[in-house]
C-alpha atoms as a PDB file:
ATOM      1  CA  UNK A   1       8.018  17.861  14.023  1.00  0.00           C
ATOM      2  CA  UNK A   2       4.186  18.054  14.124  1.00  0.00           C
ATOM      3  CA  UNK A   3       2.145  15.661  11.918  1.00  0.00           C
ATOM      4  CA  UNK A   4      -1.426  15.532  11.833  1.00  0.00           C
ATOM      5  CA  UNK A   5      -3.077  12.125  10.242  1.00  0.00           C
ATOM      6  CA  UNK A   6      -6.532  11.101   9.666  1.00  0.00           C
ATOM      7  CA  UNK A   7      -6.979   7.769  10.864  1.00  0.00           C
ATOM      8  CA  UNK A   8      -8.281   4.769   8.336  1.00  0.00           C
ATOM      9  CA  UNK A   9      -8.431   1.928  10.834  1.00  0.00           C
ATOM     10  CA  UNK A  10     -12.247   2.704  11.350  1.00  0.00           C
ATOM     11  CA  UNK A  11     -14.971   4.134  10.080  1.00  0.00           C
ATOM     12  CA  UNK A  12     -14.767   7.633  12.720  1.00  0.00           C
ATOM     13  CA  UNK A  13     -11.940   9.086  10.632  1.00  0.00           C
ATOM     14  CA  UNK A  14     -10.003  10.952  13.561  1.00  0.00           C
ATOM     15  CA  UNK A  15      -7.613  14.281  12.725  1.00  0.00           C
ATOM     16  CA  UNK A  16      -4.744  12.992  14.906  1.00  0.00           C
ATOM     17  CA  UNK A  17      -1.916  15.350  15.893  1.00  0.00           C
ATOM     18  CA  UNK A  18       1.243  13.381  16.458  1.00  0.00           C
ATOM     19  CA  UNK A  19       4.510  15.011  17.720  1.00  0.00           C
ATOM     20  CA  UNK A  20       7.856  13.842  18.101  1.00  0.00           C
ATOM     21  CA  UNK A  21      11.589  13.774  16.397  1.00  0.00           C
ATOM     22  CA  UNK A  22      12.754  11.142  14.427  1.00  0.00           C
ATOM     23  CA  UNK A  23      11.110   7.574  15.401  1.00  0.00           C
ATOM     24  CA  UNK A  24      10.641   9.271  19.096  1.00  0.00           C
ATOM     25  CA  UNK A  25       6.732  10.034  19.856  1.00  0.00           C
ATOM     26  CA  UNK A  26       6.390  12.258  22.402  1.00  0.00           C
ATOM     27  CA  UNK A  27       2.380  12.519  22.238  1.00  0.00           C
ATOM     28  CA  UNK A  28      -0.684  11.596  20.110  1.00  0.00           C
ATOM     29  CA  UNK A  29      -3.494  13.255  20.575  1.00  0.00           C
ATOM     30  CA  UNK A  30      -7.243  13.155  18.838  1.00  0.00           C
ATOM     31  CA  UNK A  31      -7.499   9.682  18.818  1.00  0.00           C
ATOM     32  CA  UNK A  32     -10.762   7.694  19.924  1.00  0.00           C
ATOM     33  CA  UNK A  33      -9.621   4.875  20.596  1.00  0.00           C
ATOM     34  CA  UNK A  34      -5.736   2.690  21.161  1.00  0.00           C
ATOM     35  CA  UNK A  35      -5.961   1.599  17.263  1.00  0.00           C
ATOM     36  CA  UNK A  36      -5.994   5.055  16.531  1.00  0.00           C
ATOM     37  CA  UNK A  37      -2.720   5.925  18.810  1.00  0.00           C
ATOM     38  CA  UNK A  38      -0.856   3.053  17.042  1.00  0.00           C
ATOM     39  CA  UNK A  39      -2.045   3.660  12.900  1.00  0.00           C
ATOM     40  CA  UNK A  40      -0.482   7.189  13.955  1.00  0.00           C
ATOM     41  CA  UNK A  41       2.674   6.427  15.564  1.00  0.00           C
ATOM     42  CA  UNK A  42       3.002   3.751  12.661  1.00  0.00           C
ATOM     43  CA  UNK A  43       2.156   6.543   9.921  1.00  0.00           C
ATOM     44  CA  UNK A  44       4.545   9.199  11.775  1.00  0.00           C
ATOM     45  CA  UNK A  45       7.584   7.016  11.569  1.00  0.00           C
ATOM     46  CA  UNK A  46       7.035   4.411   9.154  1.00  0.00           C
ATOM     47  CA  UNK A  47       4.111   5.090   6.820  1.00  0.00           C
ATOM     48  CA  UNK A  48       3.204   2.338   4.230  1.00  0.00           C
ATOM     49  CA  UNK A  49       0.316   1.806   1.363  1.00  0.00           C
ATOM     50  CA  UNK A  50      -1.315  -0.825  -0.188  1.00  0.00           C
ATOM     51  CA  UNK A  51      -0.560  -0.333  -3.440  1.00  0.00           C
ATOM     52  CA  UNK A  52      -3.410  -0.507  -5.541  1.00  0.00           C
ATOM     53  CA  UNK A  53      -3.707  -0.552  -9.859  1.00  0.00           C
ATOM     54  CA  UNK A  54      -2.900  -2.857 -12.904  1.00  0.00           C
ATOM     55  CA  UNK A  55      -0.641  -4.516 -15.248  1.00  0.00           C
ATOM     56  CA  UNK A  56      -0.703  -5.091 -19.265  1.00  0.00           C
ATOM     57  CA  UNK A  57      -1.984  -8.490 -20.562  1.00  0.00           C
ATOM     58  CA  UNK A  58      -1.074  -9.825 -23.888  1.00  0.00           C
ATOM     59  CA  UNK A  59      -4.237  -9.928 -24.265  1.00  0.00           C
ATOM     60  CA  UNK A  60      -5.885  -7.019 -26.760  1.00  0.00           C
ATOM     61  CA  UNK A  61      -9.848  -7.947 -25.315  1.00  0.00           C
ATOM     62  CA  UNK A  62      -8.599  -7.363 -22.224  1.00  0.00           C
ATOM     63  CA  UNK A  63      -5.373  -5.348 -22.186  1.00  0.00           C
ATOM     64  CA  UNK A  64      -5.086  -4.762 -18.209  1.00  0.00           C
ATOM     65  CA  UNK A  65      -5.648  -7.016 -14.797  1.00  0.00           C
ATOM     66  CA  UNK A  66      -5.917  -5.343 -11.487  1.00  0.00           C
ATOM     67  CA  UNK A  67      -3.774  -5.971  -8.867  1.00  0.00           C
ATOM     68  CA  UNK A  68      -2.610  -5.209  -5.630  1.00  0.00           C
ATOM     69  CA  UNK A  69       0.038  -5.500  -3.291  1.00  0.00           C
ATOM     70  CA  UNK A  70      -0.121  -8.590  -0.369  1.00  0.00           C
ATOM     71  CA  UNK A  71       1.966  -6.948   2.331  1.00  0.00           C
ATOM     72  CA  UNK A  72       1.659  -3.175   2.936  1.00  0.00           C
ATOM     73  CA  UNK A  73       4.501  -1.009   1.189  1.00  0.00           C
ATOM     74  CA  UNK A  74       7.093   1.865   2.355  1.00  0.00           C
ATOM     75  CA  UNK A  75       5.508   4.877   1.032  1.00  0.00           C
ATOM     76  CA  UNK A  76       8.539   6.181  -0.255  1.00  0.00           C
ATOM     77  CA  UNK A  77       8.735   3.276  -2.426  1.00  0.00           C
ATOM     78  CA  UNK A  78       5.443   3.190  -4.415  1.00  0.00           C
ATOM     79  CA  UNK A  79       6.687   5.630  -7.397  1.00  0.00           C
ATOM     80  CA  UNK A  80       9.361   2.899  -7.893  1.00  0.00           C
ATOM     81  CA  UNK A  81       7.214   0.093  -7.833  1.00  0.00           C
ATOM     82  CA  UNK A  82       4.518   1.549 -10.141  1.00  0.00           C
ATOM     83  CA  UNK A  83       7.543   1.857 -12.663  1.00  0.00           C
ATOM     84  CA  UNK A  84       8.761  -1.565 -12.288  1.00  0.00           C
ATOM     85  CA  UNK A  85       4.914  -2.667 -12.437  1.00  0.00           C
ATOM     86  CA  UNK A  86       4.604  -0.748 -15.683  1.00  0.00           C
ATOM     87  CA  UNK A  87       7.267  -2.339 -17.574  1.00  0.00           C
ATOM     88  CA  UNK A  88       5.545  -5.433 -16.958  1.00  0.00           C
ATOM     89  CA  UNK A  89       3.446  -7.700 -19.020  1.00  0.00           C
ATOM     90  CA  UNK A  90       1.576 -10.316 -18.031  1.00  0.00           C
ATOM     91  CA  UNK A  91       0.613 -13.565 -20.047  1.00  0.00           C
ATOM     92  CA  UNK A  92      -2.883 -14.879 -19.460  1.00  0.00           C
ATOM     93  CA  UNK A  93      -4.807 -16.908 -18.189  1.00  0.00           C
ATOM     94  CA  UNK A  94      -4.303 -14.987 -15.210  1.00  0.00           C
ATOM     95  CA  UNK A  95      -6.104 -16.411 -11.845  1.00  0.00           C
ATOM     96  CA  UNK A  96      -7.272 -14.233  -8.587  1.00  0.00           C
ATOM     97  CA  UNK A  97      -4.441 -14.339  -6.229  1.00  0.00           C
ATOM     98  CA  UNK A  98      -1.376 -15.520  -8.675  1.00  0.00           C
ATOM     99  CA  UNK A  99       1.428 -13.739  -7.509  1.00  0.00           C
ATOM    100  CA  UNK A 100       2.635 -11.782 -10.609  1.00  0.00           C
ATOM    101  CA  UNK A 101       5.605  -9.852  -9.438  1.00  0.00           C
ATOM    102  CA  UNK A 102       7.811 -11.121  -6.368  1.00  0.00           C
ATOM    103  CA  UNK A 103       8.921  -9.216  -3.891  1.00  0.00           C
ATOM    104  CA  UNK A 104       8.366  -5.732  -5.449  1.00  0.00           C
ATOM    105  CA  UNK A 105      11.433  -3.442  -5.260  1.00  0.00           C
ATOM    106  CA  UNK A 106      12.708  -6.060  -2.266  1.00  0.00           C
ATOM    107  CA  UNK A 107       9.564  -4.767   0.039  1.00  0.00           C
ATOM    108  CA  UNK A 108       9.227  -8.374   0.459  1.00  0.00           C
ATOM    109  CA  UNK A 109       5.532  -7.361  -0.662  1.00  0.00           C
ATOM    110  CA  UNK A 110       3.959  -9.712  -3.886  1.00  0.00           C
ATOM    111  CA  UNK A 111       1.821  -7.961  -6.801  1.00  0.00           C
ATOM    112  CA  UNK A 112      -1.499 -10.056  -6.876  1.00  0.00           C
ATOM    113  CA  UNK A 113      -3.626 -10.440  -9.476  1.00  0.00           C
ATOM    114  CA  UNK A 114      -7.198  -9.539  -7.941  1.00  0.00           C
ATOM    115  CA  UNK A 115      -9.202 -10.400 -11.438  1.00  0.00           C
ATOM    116  CA  UNK A 116      -9.441 -13.227 -13.819  1.00  0.00           C
ATOM    117  CA  UNK A 117      -8.334 -13.123 -17.556  1.00  0.00           C
ATOM    118  CA  UNK A 118      -8.818 -16.525 -18.923  1.00  0.00           C
END
């Protein structure tokens, strides 16, 4: 199987081609640095993302608080995590870095506030 990824490790944005079978990487081409090779290999075998979204609050004046995952989440679990977040309503006050959802969908990642609502 062949997959092309755009590296996000540095501003160069290399187009990297990865060829492999399952988790066995056969070749990585197009990267300008070693970090790009590591990124592309990881993206080929186990793609992960930082989840950034909002959660509803109990305040009418400020109904949403921005949040993000504190660790990358497996790409295949993103929609499950979004559904769980959609069902949440958090109580104020909320401070930056407060953990609002622990171990979301069993990923080991917490959803933390990136804003403050008093």
